[in-house]
Amino acid sequence: MGRDIAALIAALILAAVPATGHAQSGVGDPMAGRQVAQTWCSNCHSVEVSAQTLTTDVVPSFAAIARNPTMPPSVLRAFLQHPHGQMPDLYLSRPEIDDLIAYIRSLPR
């Protein structure tokens, strides 16, 4: 009976906690991020894995960004929330940013 009560309490706690999406957890969906990259970023960046050797100082490929050790998710998030330089203001949502970061992080390093 003790296990039944513990299971009931656990179920009640889980039901009481609001459901959180991947945006709050900061995980993101790489496939959705690839779609965001193709839609919003591909005009300036090479966003596909096959373009990993294409890069410039001004507009790096996504693969080059993924290989850059100075671009952890926290730096990518800050950059995407506050674009600067030649990058246009994209006004990406938090889930889109999480997805885009997940896509970049999924590329080979």
C-alpha atoms as a PDB file:
ATOM      1  CA  MET A   1       0.000   0.000   0.000  1.00  0.00           C
ATOM      2  CA  GLY A   2       2.924   2.347   0.657  1.00  0.00           C
ATOM      3  CA  ARG A   3       4.001   2.133  -2.983  1.00  0.00           C
ATOM      4  CA  ASP A   4       0.483   2.934  -4.145  1.00  0.00           C
ATOM      5  CA  ILE A   5       0.399   6.083  -2.025  1.00  0.00           C
ATOM      6  CA  ALA A   6       3.866   7.123  -3.225  1.00  0.00           C
ATOM      7  CA  ALA A   7       2.794   6.587  -6.840  1.00  0.00           C
ATOM      8  CA  LEU A   8      -0.386   8.587  -6.257  1.00  0.00           C
ATOM      9  CA  ILE A   9       1.560  11.450  -4.665  1.00  0.00           C
ATOM     10  CA  ALA A  10       4.063  11.440  -7.541  1.00  0.00           C
ATOM     11  CA  ALA A  11       1.232  11.506 -10.083  1.00  0.00           C
ATOM     12  CA  LEU A  12      -0.449  14.406  -8.281  1.00  0.00           C
ATOM     13  CA  ILE A  13       2.791  16.368  -8.157  1.00  0.00           C
ATOM     14  CA  LEU A  14       3.414  15.803 -11.870  1.00  0.00           C
ATOM     15  CA  ALA A  15      -0.145  16.835 -12.694  1.00  0.00           C
ATOM     16  CA  ALA A  16       0.220  20.020 -10.641  1.00  0.00           C
ATOM     17  CA  VAL A  17       3.455  21.113 -12.331  1.00  0.00           C
ATOM     18  CA  PRO A  18       2.726  23.135 -15.472  1.00  0.00           C
ATOM     19  CA  ALA A  19       3.886  21.505 -18.667  1.00  0.00           C
ATOM     20  CA  THR A  20       7.048  23.127 -19.981  1.00  0.00           C
ATOM     21  CA  GLY A  21       8.125  23.196 -23.565  1.00  0.00           C
ATOM     22  CA  HIS A  22      11.648  22.785 -24.807  1.00  0.00           C
ATOM     23  CA  ALA A  23      12.059  26.571 -24.876  1.00  0.00           C
ATOM     24  CA  GLN A  24      12.155  26.776 -21.115  1.00  0.00           C
ATOM     25  CA  SER A  25      14.476  23.822 -20.766  1.00  0.00           C
ATOM     26  CA  GLY A  26      16.858  25.268 -23.332  1.00  0.00           C
ATOM     27  CA  VAL A  27      17.070  21.959 -25.201  1.00  0.00           C
ATOM     28  CA  GLY A  28      15.544  22.746 -28.576  1.00  0.00           C
ATOM     29  CA  ASP A  29      14.717  20.579 -31.581  1.00  0.00           C
ATOM     30  CA  PRO A  30      17.525  20.355 -34.167  1.00  0.00           C
ATOM     31  CA  MET A  31      15.132  19.526 -37.027  1.00  0.00           C
ATOM     32  CA  ALA A  32      12.969  22.553 -36.257  1.00  0.00           C
ATOM     33  CA  GLY A  33      16.181  24.589 -35.945  1.00  0.00           C
ATOM     34  CA  ARG A  34      17.282  23.455 -39.394  1.00  0.00           C
ATOM     35  CA  GLN A  35      13.977  24.752 -40.751  1.00  0.00           C
ATOM     36  CA  VAL A  36      14.485  28.104 -38.965  1.00  0.00           C
ATOM     37  CA  ALA A  37      18.024  28.267 -40.389  1.00  0.00           C
ATOM     38  CA  GLN A  38      16.822  27.559 -43.917  1.00  0.00           C
ATOM     39  CA  THR A  39      14.036  30.117 -43.614  1.00  0.00           C
ATOM     40  CA  TRP A  40      15.814  32.988 -41.861  1.00  0.00           C
ATOM     41  CA  CYS A  41      19.572  32.438 -42.081  1.00  0.00           C
ATOM     42  CA  SER A  42      20.373  30.825 -45.421  1.00  0.00           C
ATOM     43  CA  ASN A  43      20.335  34.118 -47.341  1.00  0.00           C
ATOM     44  CA  CYS A  44      23.642  35.003 -45.677  1.00  0.00           C
ATOM     45  CA  HIS A  45      24.967  31.803 -44.028  1.00  0.00           C
ATOM     46  CA  SER A  46      25.711  28.345 -45.339  1.00  0.00           C
ATOM     47  CA  VAL A  47      23.464  26.358 -43.013  1.00  0.00           C
ATOM     48  CA  GLU A  48      23.865  22.797 -44.326  1.00  0.00           C
ATOM     49  CA  VAL A  49      26.435  20.288 -43.139  1.00  0.00           C
ATOM     50  CA  SER A  50      27.772  19.864 -46.678  1.00  0.00           C
ATOM     51  CA  ALA A  51      28.856  23.516 -46.630  1.00  0.00           C
ATOM     52  CA  GLN A  52      31.120  23.109 -43.607  1.00  0.00           C
ATOM     53  CA  THR A  53      34.220  24.361 -45.450  1.00  0.00           C
ATOM     54  CA  LEU A  54      32.556  27.538 -46.699  1.00  0.00           C
ATOM     55  CA  THR A  55      33.152  30.418 -44.331  1.00  0.00           C
ATOM     56  CA  THR A  56      34.301  34.017 -44.245  1.00  0.00           C
ATOM     57  CA  ASP A  57      35.269  36.320 -41.425  1.00  0.00           C
ATOM     58  CA  VAL A  58      32.091  38.286 -41.992  1.00  0.00           C
ATOM     59  CA  VAL A  59      29.536  35.496 -42.511  1.00  0.00           C
ATOM     60  CA  PRO A  60      30.643  32.129 -41.121  1.00  0.00           C
ATOM     61  CA  SER A  61      28.907  28.911 -42.066  1.00  0.00           C
ATOM     62  CA  PHE A  62      26.857  27.209 -39.378  1.00  0.00           C
ATOM     63  CA  ALA A  63      29.368  24.350 -39.396  1.00  0.00           C
ATOM     64  CA  ALA A  64      32.170  26.842 -38.688  1.00  0.00           C
ATOM     65  CA  ILE A  65      30.121  28.277 -35.817  1.00  0.00           C
ATOM     66  CA  ALA A  66      29.577  24.753 -34.464  1.00  0.00           C
ATOM     67  CA  ARG A  67      33.343  24.112 -34.552  1.00  0.00           C
ATOM     68  CA  ASN A  68      34.165  27.408 -32.828  1.00  0.00           C
ATOM     69  CA  PRO A  69      34.962  26.689 -29.145  1.00  0.00           C
ATOM     70  CA  THR A  70      34.207  30.308 -28.214  1.00  0.00           C
ATOM     71  CA  MET A  71      30.552  29.875 -29.233  1.00  0.00           C
ATOM     72  CA  PRO A  72      28.896  27.782 -26.526  1.00  0.00           C
ATOM     73  CA  PRO A  73      25.074  27.815 -26.351  1.00  0.00           C
ATOM     74  CA  SER A  74      25.042  30.755 -23.931  1.00  0.00           C
ATOM     75  CA  VAL A  75      27.017  32.946 -26.340  1.00  0.00           C
ATOM     76  CA  LEU A  76      24.877  31.867 -29.290  1.00  0.00           C
ATOM     77  CA  ARG A  77      21.739  32.676 -27.296  1.00  0.00           C
ATOM     78  CA  ALA A  78      22.997  36.161 -26.383  1.00  0.00           C
ATOM     79  CA  PHE A  79      24.022  36.830 -29.979  1.00  0.00           C
ATOM     80  CA  LEU A  80      20.676  35.670 -31.380  1.00  0.00           C
ATOM     81  CA  GLN A  81      18.710  37.688 -28.829  1.00  0.00           C
ATOM     82  CA  HIS A  82      20.671  40.874 -29.599  1.00  0.00           C
ATOM     83  CA  PRO A  83      21.961  40.762 -33.182  1.00  0.00           C
ATOM     84  CA  HIS A  84      24.645  43.252 -34.081  1.00  0.00           C
ATOM     85  CA  GLY A  85      26.956  44.171 -36.914  1.00  0.00           C
ATOM     86  CA  GLN A  86      25.553  43.357 -40.329  1.00  0.00           C
ATOM     87  CA  MET A  87      23.104  40.797 -38.936  1.00  0.00           C
ATOM     88  CA  PRO A  88      19.478  41.901 -39.341  1.00  0.00           C
ATOM     89  CA  ASP A  89      17.038  42.014 -36.447  1.00  0.00           C
ATOM     90  CA  LEU A  90      15.193  38.724 -36.833  1.00  0.00           C
ATOM     91  CA  TYR A  91      13.026  38.800 -33.703  1.00  0.00           C
ATOM     92  CA  LEU A  92      13.274  35.065 -33.164  1.00  0.00           C
ATOM     93  CA  SER A  93      11.138  33.587 -30.396  1.00  0.00           C
ATOM     94  CA  ARG A  94      12.757  31.737 -27.510  1.00  0.00           C
ATOM     95  CA  PRO A  95      11.714  28.346 -28.912  1.00  0.00           C
ATOM     96  CA  GLU A  96      13.141  29.299 -32.318  1.00  0.00           C
ATOM     97  CA  ILE A  97      16.412  30.346 -30.708  1.00  0.00           C
ATOM     98  CA  ASP A  98      16.546  27.074 -28.742  1.00  0.00           C
ATOM     99  CA  ASP A  99      15.846  25.122 -31.923  1.00  0.00           C
ATOM    100  CA  LEU A 100      18.454  27.046 -33.910  1.00  0.00           C
ATOM    101  CA  ILE A 101      21.084  26.484 -31.209  1.00  0.00           C
ATOM    102  CA  ALA A 102      20.175  22.784 -31.091  1.00  0.00           C
ATOM    103  CA  TYR A 103      20.651  22.582 -34.861  1.00  0.00           C
ATOM    104  CA  ILE A 104      24.033  24.328 -34.743  1.00  0.00           C
ATOM    105  CA  ARG A 105      25.147  22.102 -31.858  1.00  0.00           C
ATOM    106  CA  SER A 106      24.078  19.006 -33.841  1.00  0.00           C
ATOM    107  CA  LEU A 107      26.528  19.799 -36.652  1.00  0.00           C
ATOM    108  CA  PRO A 108      29.885  17.987 -36.669  1.00  0.00           C
ATOM    109  CA  ARG A 109      32.650  19.710 -34.754  1.00  0.00           C
END
